[in-house]
PDB file of N, CA and C in Angstrom:
ATOM      1  N   TYR A   1       8.893   8.310   2.341  1.00  0.00           N
ATOM      2  CA  TYR A   1      10.003   9.239   3.024  1.00  0.00           C
ATOM      3  C   TYR A   1      10.788   8.014   3.750  1.00  0.00           C
ATOM      4  N   ASP A   2      12.093   8.814   3.748  1.00  0.00           N
ATOM      5  CA  ASP A   2      13.260   7.874   4.266  1.00  0.00           C
ATOM      6  C   ASP A   2      13.818   8.824   5.487  1.00  0.00           C
ATOM      7  N   TYR A   3      12.788   8.484   6.276  1.00  0.00           N
ATOM      8  CA  TYR A   3      12.866   9.134   7.867  1.00  0.00           C
ATOM      9  C   TYR A   3      13.962   8.670   8.548  1.00  0.00           C
ATOM     10  N   GLY A   4      14.557   7.408   8.393  1.00  0.00           N
ATOM     11  CA  GLY A   4      15.806   6.952   8.970  1.00  0.00           C
ATOM     12  C   GLY A   4      16.892   7.649   8.684  1.00  0.00           C
ATOM     13  N   THR A   5      17.307   7.985   7.578  1.00  0.00           N
ATOM     14  CA  THR A   5      18.191   8.759   6.957  1.00  0.00           C
ATOM     15  C   THR A   5      18.310  10.008   7.665  1.00  0.00           C
ATOM     16  N   LEU A   6      16.894  10.615   7.253  1.00  0.00           N
ATOM     17  CA  LEU A   6      16.802  12.144   7.712  1.00  0.00           C
ATOM     18  C   LEU A   6      17.152  12.370   8.966  1.00  0.00           C
ATOM     19  N   PHE A   7      16.491  11.425   9.995  1.00  0.00           N
ATOM     20  CA  PHE A   7      16.632  11.558  11.391  1.00  0.00           C
ATOM     21  C   PHE A   7      17.770  10.753  12.189  1.00  0.00           C
ATOM     22  N   GLY A   8      18.265  10.181  11.138  1.00  0.00           N
ATOM     23  CA  GLY A   8      19.685   9.232  11.712  1.00  0.00           C
ATOM     24  C   GLY A   8      19.156   8.289  12.738  1.00  0.00           C
ATOM     25  N   THR A   9      18.236   7.491  12.656  1.00  0.00           N
ATOM     26  CA  THR A   9      17.816   6.491  13.406  1.00  0.00           C
ATOM     27  C   THR A   9      17.339   5.341  12.644  1.00  0.00           C
ATOM     28  N   SER A  10      16.876   4.271  13.137  1.00  0.00           N
ATOM     29  CA  SER A  10      16.179   3.032  12.443  1.00  0.00           C
ATOM     30  C   SER A  10      14.719   2.642  12.860  1.00  0.00           C
ATOM     31  N   PHE A  11      14.193   2.092  12.098  1.00  0.00           N
ATOM     32  CA  PHE A  11      12.758   1.599  12.616  1.00  0.00           C
ATOM     33  C   PHE A  11      12.620   0.183  12.270  1.00  0.00           C
ATOM     34  N   PRO A  12      13.000  -0.593  13.543  1.00  0.00           N
ATOM     35  CA  PRO A  12      13.334  -1.868  13.173  1.00  0.00           C
ATOM     36  C   PRO A  12      12.068  -2.820  12.950  1.00  0.00           C
ATOM     37  N   MET A  13      10.854  -2.167  13.207  1.00  0.00           N
ATOM     38  CA  MET A  13       9.429  -3.214  12.958  1.00  0.00           C
ATOM     39  C   MET A  13       9.161  -3.350  11.423  1.00  0.00           C
ATOM     40  N   ASN A  14       9.015  -4.581  11.172  1.00  0.00           N
ATOM     41  CA  ASN A  14       8.294  -5.009   9.846  1.00  0.00           C
ATOM     42  C   ASN A  14       6.982  -4.611   9.599  1.00  0.00           C
ATOM     43  N   LYS A  15       6.459  -4.716   8.395  1.00  0.00           N
ATOM     44  CA  LYS A  15       5.249  -4.510   8.059  1.00  0.00           C
ATOM     45  C   LYS A  15       4.179  -5.229   9.371  1.00  0.00           C
ATOM     46  N   ALA A  16       4.337  -6.583   9.175  1.00  0.00           N
ATOM     47  CA  ALA A  16       3.645  -7.389   9.990  1.00  0.00           C
ATOM     48  C   ALA A  16       3.639  -7.109  11.575  1.00  0.00           C
ATOM     49  N   GLU A  17       4.711  -6.775  12.021  1.00  0.00           N
ATOM     50  CA  GLU A  17       4.852  -6.227  13.635  1.00  0.00           C
ATOM     51  C   GLU A  17       4.282  -4.687  13.463  1.00  0.00           C
ATOM     52  N   ARG A  18       4.174  -3.784  12.638  1.00  0.00           N
ATOM     53  CA  ARG A  18       3.741  -2.487  12.523  1.00  0.00           C
ATOM     54  C   ARG A  18       2.220  -2.799  12.720  1.00  0.00           C
ATOM     55  N   ILE A  19       1.485  -3.658  11.919  1.00  0.00           N
ATOM     56  CA  ILE A  19       0.339  -4.060  11.809  1.00  0.00           C
ATOM     57  C   ILE A  19      -0.306  -4.786  13.041  1.00  0.00           C
ATOM     58  N   ALA A  20       0.407  -5.550  13.504  1.00  0.00           N
ATOM     59  CA  ALA A  20       0.101  -6.231  14.874  1.00  0.00           C
ATOM     60  C   ALA A  20      -0.068  -5.606  16.388  1.00  0.00           C
ATOM     61  N   THR A  21       0.885  -4.600  16.043  1.00  0.00           N
ATOM     62  CA  THR A  21       1.092  -3.567  17.446  1.00  0.00           C
ATOM     63  C   THR A  21       0.102  -2.231  16.966  1.00  0.00           C
ATOM     64  N   PHE A  22      -0.571  -2.078  16.089  1.00  0.00           N
ATOM     65  CA  PHE A  22      -1.469  -1.109  15.523  1.00  0.00           C
ATOM     66  C   PHE A  22      -0.641   0.385  15.181  1.00  0.00           C
ATOM     67  N   ASP A  23       0.788  -0.066  15.128  1.00  0.00           N
ATOM     68  CA  ASP A  23       1.693   0.816  14.582  1.00  0.00           C
ATOM     69  C   ASP A  23       1.391   1.721  13.284  1.00  0.00           C
ATOM     70  N   SER A  24       0.834   0.780  12.368  1.00  0.00           N
ATOM     71  CA  SER A  24       0.601   1.128  10.920  1.00  0.00           C
ATOM     72  C   SER A  24      -0.941   0.638  10.558  1.00  0.00           C
ATOM     73  N   GLY A  25      -1.553   1.150   9.723  1.00  0.00           N
ATOM     74  CA  GLY A  25      -2.607   0.634   9.278  1.00  0.00           C
ATOM     75  C   GLY A  25      -3.358   1.396   8.300  1.00  0.00           C
ATOM     76  N   SER A  26      -4.445   0.668   7.937  1.00  0.00           N
ATOM     77  CA  SER A  26      -4.986   1.615   6.395  1.00  0.00           C
ATOM     78  C   SER A  26      -5.978   2.646   6.829  1.00  0.00           C
ATOM     79  N   THR A  27      -5.499   3.797   6.605  1.00  0.00           N
ATOM     80  CA  THR A  27      -6.286   4.944   7.039  1.00  0.00           C
ATOM     81  C   THR A  27      -6.354   5.992   5.945  1.00  0.00           C
ATOM     82  N   HIS A  28      -5.935   5.768   4.969  1.00  0.00           N
ATOM     83  CA  HIS A  28      -5.831   6.630   3.629  1.00  0.00           C
ATOM     84  C   HIS A  28      -6.299   6.124   2.363  1.00  0.00           C
ATOM     85  N   ALA A  29      -6.689   6.962   1.593  1.00  0.00           N
ATOM     86  CA  ALA A  29      -6.886   6.107   0.032  1.00  0.00           C
ATOM     87  C   ALA A  29      -6.302   6.939  -1.028  1.00  0.00           C
ATOM     88  N   MET A  30      -5.789   6.408  -2.177  1.00  0.00           N
ATOM     89  CA  MET A  30      -5.001   7.055  -3.313  1.00  0.00           C
ATOM     90  C   MET A  30      -5.485   6.367  -4.413  1.00  0.00           C
ATOM     91  N   THR A  31      -5.433   6.919  -5.636  1.00  0.00           N
ATOM     92  CA  THR A  31      -5.577   6.403  -6.840  1.00  0.00           C
ATOM     93  C   THR A  31      -4.296   6.048  -7.555  1.00  0.00           C
ATOM     94  N   LEU A  32      -3.853   4.691  -7.989  1.00  0.00           N
ATOM     95  CA  LEU A  32      -2.952   4.553  -8.704  1.00  0.00           C
ATOM     96  C   LEU A  32      -3.264   4.962 -10.273  1.00  0.00           C
ATOM     97  N   THR A  33      -2.170   5.952 -10.677  1.00  0.00           N
ATOM     98  CA  THR A  33      -2.556   6.245 -11.870  1.00  0.00           C
ATOM     99  C   THR A  33      -1.317   5.888 -12.925  1.00  0.00           C
ATOM    100  N   ALA A  34      -0.168   5.500 -12.586  1.00  0.00           N
ATOM    101  CA  ALA A  34       1.032   4.931 -13.495  1.00  0.00           C
ATOM    102  C   ALA A  34       1.846   4.317 -12.723  1.00  0.00           C
ATOM    103  N   VAL A  35       2.890   3.284 -13.437  1.00  0.00           N
ATOM    104  CA  VAL A  35       3.672   2.857 -12.750  1.00  0.00           C
ATOM    105  C   VAL A  35       4.908   2.866 -13.774  1.00  0.00           C
ATOM    106  N   ASP A  36       5.881   2.735 -12.955  1.00  0.00           N
ATOM    107  CA  ASP A  36       7.335   2.948 -13.847  1.00  0.00           C
ATOM    108  C   ASP A  36       7.911   1.525 -13.914  1.00  0.00           C
ATOM    109  N   LEU A  37       8.280   0.628 -14.794  1.00  0.00           N
ATOM    110  CA  LEU A  37       8.743  -0.435 -14.656  1.00  0.00           C
ATOM    111  C   LEU A  37      10.060  -0.551 -15.121  1.00  0.00           C
ATOM    112  N   ASP A  38      10.709  -1.579 -14.572  1.00  0.00           N
ATOM    113  CA  ASP A  38      12.458  -1.603 -15.079  1.00  0.00           C
ATOM    114  C   ASP A  38      12.346  -2.526 -16.074  1.00  0.00           C
ATOM    115  N   GLU A  39      13.691  -2.771 -16.531  1.00  0.00           N
ATOM    116  CA  GLU A  39      13.921  -3.838 -17.567  1.00  0.00           C
ATOM    117  C   GLU A  39      13.369  -5.205 -17.486  1.00  0.00           C
ATOM    118  N   ASN A  40      12.820  -5.582 -16.265  1.00  0.00           N
ATOM    119  CA  ASN A  40      12.396  -7.043 -16.001  1.00  0.00           C
ATOM    120  C   ASN A  40      11.018  -6.806 -16.013  1.00  0.00           C
ATOM    121  N   GLY A  41      10.275  -5.724 -15.985  1.00  0.00           N
ATOM    122  CA  GLY A  41       9.112  -5.389 -16.103  1.00  0.00           C
ATOM    123  C   GLY A  41       8.317  -5.346 -14.481  1.00  0.00           C
ATOM    124  N   GLN A  42       9.283  -5.079 -13.547  1.00  0.00           N
ATOM    125  CA  GLN A  42       9.164  -5.110 -12.174  1.00  0.00           C
ATOM    126  C   GLN A  42       8.835  -3.579 -11.866  1.00  0.00           C
ATOM    127  N   PRO A  43       7.989  -3.253 -11.021  1.00  0.00           N
ATOM    128  CA  PRO A  43       7.670  -1.807 -10.665  1.00  0.00           C
ATOM    129  C   PRO A  43       8.973  -1.217 -10.046  1.00  0.00           C
ATOM    130  N   LYS A  44       9.246   0.181 -10.324  1.00  0.00           N
ATOM    131  CA  LYS A  44      10.018   1.080  -9.508  1.00  0.00           C
ATOM    132  C   LYS A  44       9.539   2.013  -8.954  1.00  0.00           C
ATOM    133  N   LYS A  45       8.695   2.722  -9.334  1.00  0.00           N
ATOM    134  CA  LYS A  45       8.077   3.681  -8.980  1.00  0.00           C
ATOM    135  C   LYS A  45       6.376   3.830  -9.144  1.00  0.00           C
ATOM    136  N   TRP A  46       5.426   4.437  -8.509  1.00  0.00           N
ATOM    137  CA  TRP A  46       4.000   4.543  -8.828  1.00  0.00           C
ATOM    138  C   TRP A  46       3.764   6.350  -8.967  1.00  0.00           C
ATOM    139  N   LYS A  47       2.838   6.332  -9.583  1.00  0.00           N
ATOM    140  CA  LYS A  47       2.359   7.625  -9.339  1.00  0.00           C
ATOM    141  C   LYS A  47       1.118   7.753  -8.995  1.00  0.00           C
ATOM    142  N   VAL A  48       0.524   8.438  -8.022  1.00  0.00           N
ATOM    143  CA  VAL A  48      -0.727   8.348  -7.240  1.00  0.00           C
ATOM    144  C   VAL A  48      -1.223   9.562  -7.606  1.00  0.00           C
ATOM    145  N   GLU A  49      -2.711   9.574  -7.361  1.00  0.00           N
ATOM    146  CA  GLU A  49      -3.408  10.717  -7.206  1.00  0.00           C
ATOM    147  C   GLU A  49      -4.098  10.913  -5.719  1.00  0.00           C
ATOM    148  N   ASN A  50      -3.673  11.646  -5.020  1.00  0.00           N
ATOM    149  CA  ASN A  50      -3.918  11.728  -3.552  1.00  0.00           C
ATOM    150  C   ASN A  50      -5.430  12.441  -3.371  1.00  0.00           C
ATOM    151  N   SER A  51      -5.990  12.262  -2.247  1.00  0.00           N
ATOM    152  CA  SER A  51      -7.253  12.723  -1.912  1.00  0.00           C
ATOM    153  C   SER A  51      -7.360  13.854  -1.495  1.00  0.00           C
ATOM    154  N   TRP A  52      -5.971  14.424  -1.140  1.00  0.00           N
ATOM    155  CA  TRP A  52      -6.186  15.595  -0.026  1.00  0.00           C
ATOM    156  C   TRP A  52      -6.085  17.053  -1.275  1.00  0.00           C
ATOM    157  N   SER A  53      -6.352  17.037  -2.395  1.00  0.00           N
ATOM    158  CA  SER A  53      -6.463  18.173  -3.249  1.00  0.00           C
ATOM    159  C   SER A  53      -5.416  18.454  -3.943  1.00  0.00           C
ATOM    160  N   ALA A  54      -5.468  19.216  -5.055  1.00  0.00           N
ATOM    161  CA  ALA A  54      -4.732  19.616  -6.020  1.00  0.00           C
ATOM    162  C   ALA A  54      -3.605  20.297  -5.506  1.00  0.00           C
ATOM    163  N   SER A  55      -3.663  21.057  -4.348  1.00  0.00           N
ATOM    164  CA  SER A  55      -2.804  21.991  -3.610  1.00  0.00           C
ATOM    165  C   SER A  55      -1.639  21.155  -2.886  1.00  0.00           C
ATOM    166  N   TYR A  56      -1.906  19.661  -2.920  1.00  0.00           N
ATOM    167  CA  TYR A  56      -0.952  18.939  -2.402  1.00  0.00           C
ATOM    168  C   TYR A  56       0.019  18.046  -3.293  1.00  0.00           C
ATOM    169  N   GLY A  57       1.275  18.030  -3.136  1.00  0.00           N
ATOM    170  CA  GLY A  57       1.879  17.563  -4.156  1.00  0.00           C
ATOM    171  C   GLY A  57       2.202  18.243  -5.563  1.00  0.00           C
ATOM    172  N   GLN A  58       2.099  17.231  -6.431  1.00  0.00           N
ATOM    173  CA  GLN A  58       2.161  18.157  -7.913  1.00  0.00           C
ATOM    174  C   GLN A  58       0.892  18.165  -8.509  1.00  0.00           C
ATOM    175  N   ASN A  59       0.115  19.125  -8.402  1.00  0.00           N
ATOM    176  CA  ASN A  59      -1.519  19.226  -8.638  1.00  0.00           C
ATOM    177  C   ASN A  59      -2.102  17.929  -8.340  1.00  0.00           C
ATOM    178  N   GLY A  60      -1.823  17.622  -7.069  1.00  0.00           N
ATOM    179  CA  GLY A  60      -2.453  16.571  -6.213  1.00  0.00           C
ATOM    180  C   GLY A  60      -1.948  15.330  -6.600  1.00  0.00           C
ATOM    181  N   TYR A  61      -0.831  15.105  -7.479  1.00  0.00           N
ATOM    182  CA  TYR A  61      -0.119  13.685  -7.787  1.00  0.00           C
ATOM    183  C   TYR A  61       0.984  13.578  -7.101  1.00  0.00           C
ATOM    184  N   LEU A  62       1.359  12.410  -6.473  1.00  0.00           N
ATOM    185  CA  LEU A  62       2.812  12.260  -5.733  1.00  0.00           C
ATOM    186  C   LEU A  62       3.309  10.934  -6.699  1.00  0.00           C
ATOM    187  N   ILE A  63       4.591  10.659  -6.301  1.00  0.00           N
ATOM    188  CA  ILE A  63       5.452   9.432  -6.814  1.00  0.00           C
ATOM    189  C   ILE A  63       5.684   8.803  -5.391  1.00  0.00           C
ATOM    190  N   MET A  64       5.376   7.332  -5.599  1.00  0.00           N
ATOM    191  CA  MET A  64       5.913   6.798  -4.537  1.00  0.00           C
ATOM    192  C   MET A  64       6.878   5.558  -5.026  1.00  0.00           C
ATOM    193  N   SER A  65       8.087   5.188  -4.207  1.00  0.00           N
ATOM    194  CA  SER A  65       8.765   4.481  -4.822  1.00  0.00           C
ATOM    195  C   SER A  65       8.150   2.927  -4.591  1.00  0.00           C
ATOM    196  N   ASN A  66       8.592   1.804  -5.156  1.00  0.00           N
ATOM    197  CA  ASN A  66       8.035   0.609  -4.930  1.00  0.00           C
ATOM    198  C   ASN A  66       8.228   0.015  -3.366  1.00  0.00           C
ATOM    199  N   PRO A  67       9.517   0.125  -2.775  1.00  0.00           N
ATOM    200  CA  PRO A  67       9.758  -0.160  -1.514  1.00  0.00           C
ATOM    201  C   PRO A  67       8.639   0.406  -0.719  1.00  0.00           C
ATOM    202  N   TRP A  68       8.381   1.489  -0.758  1.00  0.00           N
ATOM    203  CA  TRP A  68       7.439   2.415   0.054  1.00  0.00           C
ATOM    204  C   TRP A  68       5.877   1.714  -0.170  1.00  0.00           C
ATOM    205  N   PHE A  69       5.694   1.429  -1.256  1.00  0.00           N
ATOM    206  CA  PHE A  69       4.219   0.841  -1.760  1.00  0.00           C
ATOM    207  C   PHE A  69       4.175  -0.541  -0.770  1.00  0.00           C
ATOM    208  N   ASN A  70       5.306  -1.350  -1.137  1.00  0.00           N
ATOM    209  CA  ASN A  70       5.159  -2.660  -0.536  1.00  0.00           C
ATOM    210  C   ASN A  70       5.174  -2.635   0.813  1.00  0.00           C
ATOM    211  N   GLU A  71       5.640  -1.423   1.712  1.00  0.00           N
ATOM    212  CA  GLU A  71       5.607  -1.472   3.106  1.00  0.00           C
ATOM    213  C   GLU A  71       4.386  -0.960   3.935  1.00  0.00           C
ATOM    214  N   TYR A  72       3.707   0.232   2.985  1.00  0.00           N
ATOM    215  CA  TYR A  72       2.414   0.790   3.497  1.00  0.00           C
ATOM    216  C   TYR A  72       1.446   0.666   2.789  1.00  0.00           C
ATOM    217  N   THR A  73       1.212  -0.059   1.733  1.00  0.00           N
ATOM    218  CA  THR A  73      -0.176  -0.399   1.089  1.00  0.00           C
ATOM    219  C   THR A  73      -0.820  -1.737   1.784  1.00  0.00           C
ATOM    220  N   PHE A  74      -2.174  -1.486   2.193  1.00  0.00           N
ATOM    221  CA  PHE A  74      -2.680  -2.575   3.115  1.00  0.00           C
ATOM    222  C   PHE A  74      -3.800  -2.969   1.964  1.00  0.00           C
ATOM    223  N   ARG A  75      -4.351  -2.262   1.358  1.00  0.00           N
ATOM    224  CA  ARG A  75      -5.567  -2.840   0.729  1.00  0.00           C
ATOM    225  C   ARG A  75      -5.742  -2.334  -0.790  1.00  0.00           C
ATOM    226  N   LEU A  76      -6.200  -2.883  -1.589  1.00  0.00           N
ATOM    227  CA  LEU A  76      -6.149  -2.439  -3.011  1.00  0.00           C
ATOM    228  C   LEU A  76      -7.269  -2.839  -4.009  1.00  0.00           C
ATOM    229  N   VAL A  77      -7.833  -1.945  -4.551  1.00  0.00           N
ATOM    230  CA  VAL A  77      -9.019  -2.625  -5.418  1.00  0.00           C
ATOM    231  C   VAL A  77      -8.596  -2.143  -6.933  1.00  0.00           C
ATOM    232  N   VAL A  78      -8.533  -3.464  -7.727  1.00  0.00           N
ATOM    233  CA  VAL A  78      -7.764  -3.727  -8.970  1.00  0.00           C
ATOM    234  C   VAL A  78      -9.100  -4.172  -9.764  1.00  0.00           C
ATOM    235  N   ASP A  79      -9.080  -3.761 -11.079  1.00  0.00           N
ATOM    236  CA  ASP A  79      -9.910  -4.112 -11.936  1.00  0.00           C
ATOM    237  C   ASP A  79      -9.572  -5.776 -12.198  1.00  0.00           C
ATOM    238  N   ASN A  80     -10.541  -6.592 -12.394  1.00  0.00           N
ATOM    239  CA  ASN A  80     -10.073  -7.941 -12.806  1.00  0.00           C
ATOM    240  C   ASN A  80      -9.129  -8.188 -13.958  1.00  0.00           C
ATOM    241  N   LYS A  81      -9.245  -7.653 -15.049  1.00  0.00           N
ATOM    242  CA  LYS A  81      -8.455  -7.513 -16.187  1.00  0.00           C
ATOM    243  C   LYS A  81      -6.775  -7.798 -15.830  1.00  0.00           C
ATOM    244  N   TYR A  82      -6.467  -6.825 -14.660  1.00  0.00           N
ATOM    245  CA  TYR A  82      -5.414  -6.666 -14.289  1.00  0.00           C
ATOM    246  C   TYR A  82      -4.827  -7.907 -13.440  1.00  0.00           C
ATOM    247  N   VAL A  83      -5.680  -8.899 -12.882  1.00  0.00           N
ATOM    248  CA  VAL A  83      -5.267  -9.823 -11.703  1.00  0.00           C
ATOM    249  C   VAL A  83      -4.920 -11.151 -12.391  1.00  0.00           C
ATOM    250  N   PRO A  84      -3.632 -11.605 -12.097  1.00  0.00           N
ATOM    251  CA  PRO A  84      -3.108 -12.791 -12.539  1.00  0.00           C
ATOM    252  C   PRO A  84      -4.262 -14.056 -12.256  1.00  0.00           C
ATOM    253  N   GLU A  85      -4.332 -15.117 -13.211  1.00  0.00           N
ATOM    254  CA  GLU A  85      -5.302 -15.962 -12.835  1.00  0.00           C
ATOM    255  C   GLU A  85      -5.271 -16.917 -11.646  1.00  0.00           C
ATOM    256  N   ASN A  86      -3.972 -16.909 -11.097  1.00  0.00           N
ATOM    257  CA  ASN A  86      -3.650 -17.904  -9.829  1.00  0.00           C
ATOM    258  C   ASN A  86      -4.326 -17.129  -8.974  1.00  0.00           C
ATOM    259  N   ILE A  87      -4.214 -15.661  -8.856  1.00  0.00           N
ATOM    260  CA  ILE A  87      -5.042 -14.838  -7.585  1.00  0.00           C
ATOM    261  C   ILE A  87      -6.191 -14.876  -7.865  1.00  0.00           C
ATOM    262  N   MET A  88      -7.053 -14.834  -8.805  1.00  0.00           N
ATOM    263  CA  MET A  88      -8.265 -14.987  -9.209  1.00  0.00           C
ATOM    264  C   MET A  88      -8.883 -16.127  -8.575  1.00  0.00           C
ATOM    265  N   LYS A  89      -7.969 -17.377  -8.964  1.00  0.00           N
ATOM    266  CA  LYS A  89      -8.531 -18.457  -8.128  1.00  0.00           C
ATOM    267  C   LYS A  89      -8.710 -18.667  -6.834  1.00  0.00           C
ATOM    268  N   ALA A  90      -7.624 -17.908  -6.155  1.00  0.00           N
ATOM    269  CA  ALA A  90      -7.497 -17.859  -4.872  1.00  0.00           C
ATOM    270  C   ALA A  90      -8.553 -17.218  -4.091  1.00  0.00           C
ATOM    271  N   ALA A  91      -8.990 -16.315  -4.951  1.00  0.00           N
ATOM    272  CA  ALA A  91     -10.274 -15.349  -4.233  1.00  0.00           C
ATOM    273  C   ALA A  91     -11.430 -16.099  -4.344  1.00  0.00           C
ATOM    274  N   GLN A  92     -11.503 -17.262  -4.967  1.00  0.00           N
ATOM    275  CA  GLN A  92     -12.821 -18.099  -5.384  1.00  0.00           C
ATOM    276  C   GLN A  92     -12.904 -19.084  -4.209  1.00  0.00           C
ATOM    277  N   GLN A  93     -11.675 -19.065  -3.047  1.00  0.00           N
ATOM    278  CA  GLN A  93     -11.935 -20.191  -1.735  1.00  0.00           C
ATOM    279  C   GLN A  93     -13.025 -19.661  -1.147  1.00  0.00           C
ATOM    280  N   LYS A  94     -13.141 -20.637  -0.280  1.00  0.00           N
ATOM    281  CA  LYS A  94     -14.070 -20.159   1.009  1.00  0.00           C
ATOM    282  C   LYS A  94     -13.442 -19.256   1.803  1.00  0.00           C
ATOM    283  N   PRO A  95     -14.065 -18.177   2.170  1.00  0.00           N
ATOM    284  CA  PRO A  95     -13.379 -17.064   2.809  1.00  0.00           C
ATOM    285  C   PRO A  95     -13.235 -17.486   4.243  1.00  0.00           C
ATOM    286  N   ILE A  96     -12.052 -16.937   5.065  1.00  0.00           N
ATOM    287  CA  ILE A  96     -11.559 -17.245   6.158  1.00  0.00           C
ATOM    288  C   ILE A  96     -12.115 -16.405   7.449  1.00  0.00           C
ATOM    289  N   MET A  97     -12.915 -16.695   8.349  1.00  0.00           N
ATOM    290  CA  MET A  97     -13.447 -15.755   9.342  1.00  0.00           C
ATOM    291  C   MET A  97     -12.261 -15.002  10.036  1.00  0.00           C
ATOM    292  N   VAL A  98     -12.329 -13.806  10.186  1.00  0.00           N
ATOM    293  CA  VAL A  98     -11.325 -13.138  11.067  1.00  0.00           C
ATOM    294  C   VAL A  98     -11.783 -12.446  12.333  1.00  0.00           C
ATOM    295  N   VAL A  99     -11.091 -12.676  13.177  1.00  0.00           N
ATOM    296  CA  VAL A  99     -11.771 -12.204  14.469  1.00  0.00           C
ATOM    297  C   VAL A  99     -11.555 -10.768  14.429  1.00  0.00           C
ATOM    298  N   PRO A 100     -12.543 -10.144  15.351  1.00  0.00           N
ATOM    299  CA  PRO A 100     -12.878  -8.627  15.197  1.00  0.00           C
ATOM    300  C   PRO A 100     -11.795  -7.684  15.559  1.00  0.00           C
ATOM    301  N   GLU A 101     -10.928  -8.516  16.578  1.00  0.00           N
ATOM    302  CA  GLU A 101      -9.762  -7.348  16.818  1.00  0.00           C
ATOM    303  C   GLU A 101      -8.494  -7.676  16.143  1.00  0.00           C
ATOM    304  N   ASP A 102      -8.655  -8.349  14.911  1.00  0.00           N
ATOM    305  CA  ASP A 102      -7.586  -8.427  13.864  1.00  0.00           C
ATOM    306  C   ASP A 102      -7.104  -6.925  13.437  1.00  0.00           C
ATOM    307  N   PRO A 103      -5.901  -6.630  13.690  1.00  0.00           N
ATOM    308  CA  PRO A 103      -5.478  -5.033  13.510  1.00  0.00           C
ATOM    309  C   PRO A 103      -5.732  -4.872  11.819  1.00  0.00           C
ATOM    310  N   LEU A 104      -5.666  -5.713  10.887  1.00  0.00           N
ATOM    311  CA  LEU A 104      -5.500  -5.291   9.781  1.00  0.00           C
ATOM    312  C   LEU A 104      -7.101  -4.915   9.274  1.00  0.00           C
ATOM    313  N   PHE A 105      -7.910  -5.306   9.958  1.00  0.00           N
ATOM    314  CA  PHE A 105      -9.471  -5.180   9.667  1.00  0.00           C
ATOM    315  C   PHE A 105     -10.131  -4.435  10.635  1.00  0.00           C
ATOM    316  N   GLN A 106      -9.499  -3.300  11.298  1.00  0.00           N
ATOM    317  CA  GLN A 106     -10.272  -2.383  12.202  1.00  0.00           C
ATOM    318  C   GLN A 106     -10.917  -1.441  10.823  1.00  0.00           C
ATOM    319  N   GLU A 107     -11.955  -0.830  11.586  1.00  0.00           N
ATOM    320  CA  GLU A 107     -12.527   0.270  10.931  1.00  0.00           C
ATOM    321  C   GLU A 107     -11.456   1.409  10.721  1.00  0.00           C
ATOM    322  N   ASP A 108     -11.472   1.894   9.525  1.00  0.00           N
ATOM    323  CA  ASP A 108     -10.724   3.272   9.147  1.00  0.00           C
ATOM    324  C   ASP A 108     -11.194   4.225  10.081  1.00  0.00           C
ATOM    325  N   MET A 109      -9.988   5.107  10.338  1.00  0.00           N
ATOM    326  CA  MET A 109     -10.607   6.134  11.322  1.00  0.00           C
ATOM    327  C   MET A 109     -11.027   7.301  10.460  1.00  0.00           C
TER     328      MET A 109
END
């Protein structure tokens, strides 16, 4: 949603700042069902199946813009066949221990 335009205000924090101050975090799950790509193969918008039931959205489905996806997606589960090789190699590295108070890894409420 474009709340800034709707309410005539701005929201100056970026994603990292929102996470660090607990203003934003991972609290909900949806299933990506389709992506609309531009002429360069870059995502423009995503079709998602929401977990709130078929009575929400269009029979349970919503469309999110790619900028919204980038700002508010925190965790993603992806079939390995869709993951680029360089990312798969990075996933094989030794894990880094994260402190318990790291805001990105707080338990979902």
